Amino acid sequence: MEYREDDFLLLSGIQHFAFCRRQWALIYIEGVWDENGRTAEGRLLVLVKSLPARGAWIEIDLCCGSACASIVAPRTGSVD
């Protein structure tokens, strides 16, 4: 089966849905989510964490912000 780009679900959207369905609906359906100081701070922390980076720390390879997609289950996003 082939999927259009619009068929793919964002991993962040799935995460929002699992965390709070009301927040998910405000963001993805209504488009009316308004940030306050705490949500802006969280968004910035996620942004810094999701910047592509690669390095070694205590003999463990770290890779942040890697893009991923699945055509079996139409999902797209980034992983750490």
C-alpha atoms as a PDB file:
ATOM      1  CA  MET A   1       0.000   0.000   0.000  1.00  0.00           C
ATOM      2  CA  GLU A   2       1.293   3.456  -0.827  1.00  0.00           C
ATOM      3  CA  TYR A   3       0.761   6.485   1.366  1.00  0.00           C
ATOM      4  CA  ARG A   4       0.679  10.169   0.552  1.00  0.00           C
ATOM      5  CA  GLU A   5       2.767  12.491   2.698  1.00  0.00           C
ATOM      6  CA  ASP A   6      -0.466  13.800   4.284  1.00  0.00           C
ATOM      7  CA  ASP A   7      -1.268  10.260   5.501  1.00  0.00           C
ATOM      8  CA  PHE A   8       1.738  10.164   7.827  1.00  0.00           C
ATOM      9  CA  LEU A   9       1.242  10.881  11.534  1.00  0.00           C
ATOM     10  CA  LEU A  10       3.809  12.969  13.398  1.00  0.00           C
ATOM     11  CA  LEU A  11       5.394  11.149  16.312  1.00  0.00           C
ATOM     12  CA  SER A  12       5.060  14.363  18.326  1.00  0.00           C
ATOM     13  CA  GLY A  13       1.325  14.302  17.629  1.00  0.00           C
ATOM     14  CA  ILE A  14       1.059  10.735  18.897  1.00  0.00           C
ATOM     15  CA  GLN A  15       3.003  11.762  21.994  1.00  0.00           C
ATOM     16  CA  HIS A  16       0.688  14.757  22.555  1.00  0.00           C
ATOM     17  CA  PHE A  17      -2.359  12.495  22.139  1.00  0.00           C
ATOM     18  CA  ALA A  18      -1.014  10.013  24.705  1.00  0.00           C
ATOM     19  CA  PHE A  19      -0.156  12.795  27.165  1.00  0.00           C
ATOM     20  CA  CYS A  20      -3.346  14.880  26.921  1.00  0.00           C
ATOM     21  CA  ARG A  21      -6.091  14.409  24.346  1.00  0.00           C
ATOM     22  CA  ARG A  22      -7.456  17.891  25.013  1.00  0.00           C
ATOM     23  CA  GLN A  23      -4.074  19.495  24.307  1.00  0.00           C
ATOM     24  CA  TRP A  24      -3.708  17.325  21.175  1.00  0.00           C
ATOM     25  CA  ALA A  25      -7.099  18.471  19.883  1.00  0.00           C
ATOM     26  CA  LEU A  26      -6.293  22.133  20.569  1.00  0.00           C
ATOM     27  CA  ILE A  27      -2.979  21.840  18.712  1.00  0.00           C
ATOM     28  CA  TYR A  28      -3.787  19.537  15.777  1.00  0.00           C
ATOM     29  CA  ILE A  29      -7.519  19.966  15.176  1.00  0.00           C
ATOM     30  CA  GLU A  30      -8.437  23.439  16.397  1.00  0.00           C
ATOM     31  CA  GLY A  31      -5.018  25.042  15.858  1.00  0.00           C
ATOM     32  CA  VAL A  32      -5.591  27.309  18.856  1.00  0.00           C
ATOM     33  CA  TRP A  33      -2.956  26.182  21.366  1.00  0.00           C
ATOM     34  CA  ASP A  34      -1.379  29.197  23.027  1.00  0.00           C
ATOM     35  CA  GLU A  35       1.958  28.913  24.771  1.00  0.00           C
ATOM     36  CA  ASN A  36       2.597  30.255  28.225  1.00  0.00           C
ATOM     37  CA  GLY A  37       5.980  30.633  29.921  1.00  0.00           C
ATOM     38  CA  ARG A  38       6.181  26.970  30.941  1.00  0.00           C
ATOM     39  CA  THR A  39       5.226  25.555  27.525  1.00  0.00           C
ATOM     40  CA  ALA A  40       7.652  27.952  25.807  1.00  0.00           C
ATOM     41  CA  GLU A  41      10.417  26.810  28.154  1.00  0.00           C
ATOM     42  CA  GLY A  42       9.587  23.175  27.414  1.00  0.00           C
ATOM     43  CA  ARG A  43       9.555  23.827  23.674  1.00  0.00           C
ATOM     44  CA  LEU A  44      13.021  25.392  23.882  1.00  0.00           C
ATOM     45  CA  LEU A  45      14.359  22.473  25.917  1.00  0.00           C
ATOM     46  CA  VAL A  46      13.007  20.032  23.333  1.00  0.00           C
ATOM     47  CA  LEU A  47      14.465  22.146  20.516  1.00  0.00           C
ATOM     48  CA  VAL A  48      17.939  22.107  22.063  1.00  0.00           C
ATOM     49  CA  LYS A  49      17.678  18.358  22.729  1.00  0.00           C
ATOM     50  CA  SER A  50      16.519  17.645  19.178  1.00  0.00           C
ATOM     51  CA  LEU A  51      19.367  19.458  17.416  1.00  0.00           C
ATOM     52  CA  PRO A  52      21.253  16.899  15.322  1.00  0.00           C
ATOM     53  CA  ALA A  53      24.407  15.938  17.200  1.00  0.00           C
ATOM     54  CA  ARG A  54      26.694  12.981  17.410  1.00  0.00           C
ATOM     55  CA  GLY A  55      29.304  12.203  19.992  1.00  0.00           C
ATOM     56  CA  ALA A  56      30.638   9.714  22.445  1.00  0.00           C
ATOM     57  CA  TRP A  57      30.085   9.854  26.181  1.00  0.00           C
ATOM     58  CA  ILE A  58      31.305   7.162  28.523  1.00  0.00           C
ATOM     59  CA  GLU A  59      31.901   4.794  25.612  1.00  0.00           C
ATOM     60  CA  ILE A  60      28.309   5.171  24.385  1.00  0.00           C
ATOM     61  CA  ASP A  61      27.545   6.622  20.981  1.00  0.00           C
ATOM     62  CA  LEU A  62      24.849   9.281  21.160  1.00  0.00           C
ATOM     63  CA  CYS A  63      22.823  10.387  18.198  1.00  0.00           C
ATOM     64  CA  CYS A  64      20.143  13.054  18.687  1.00  0.00           C
ATOM     65  CA  GLY A  65      17.543  14.372  16.292  1.00  0.00           C
ATOM     66  CA  SER A  66      17.726  11.565  13.737  1.00  0.00           C
ATOM     67  CA  ALA A  67      14.888  11.694  11.232  1.00  0.00           C
ATOM     68  CA  CYS A  68      12.780   8.553  10.936  1.00  0.00           C
ATOM     69  CA  ALA A  69       9.779   7.380   8.942  1.00  0.00           C
ATOM     70  CA  SER A  70       7.843   4.180   8.460  1.00  0.00           C
ATOM     71  CA  ILE A  71       5.949   3.289   5.320  1.00  0.00           C
ATOM     72  CA  VAL A  72       4.476   0.175   6.947  1.00  0.00           C
ATOM     73  CA  ALA A  73       2.679   2.212   9.612  1.00  0.00           C
ATOM     74  CA  PRO A  74       2.634   5.772   8.230  1.00  0.00           C
ATOM     75  CA  ARG A  75       4.595   7.647  10.878  1.00  0.00           C
ATOM     76  CA  THR A  76       7.293  10.284  10.671  1.00  0.00           C
ATOM     77  CA  GLY A  77       9.339  12.230  13.198  1.00  0.00           C
ATOM     78  CA  SER A  78      12.701  12.302  14.900  1.00  0.00           C
ATOM     79  CA  VAL A  79      14.251  10.064  17.507  1.00  0.00           C
ATOM     80  CA  ASP A  80      17.090  10.281  20.009  1.00  0.00           C
END
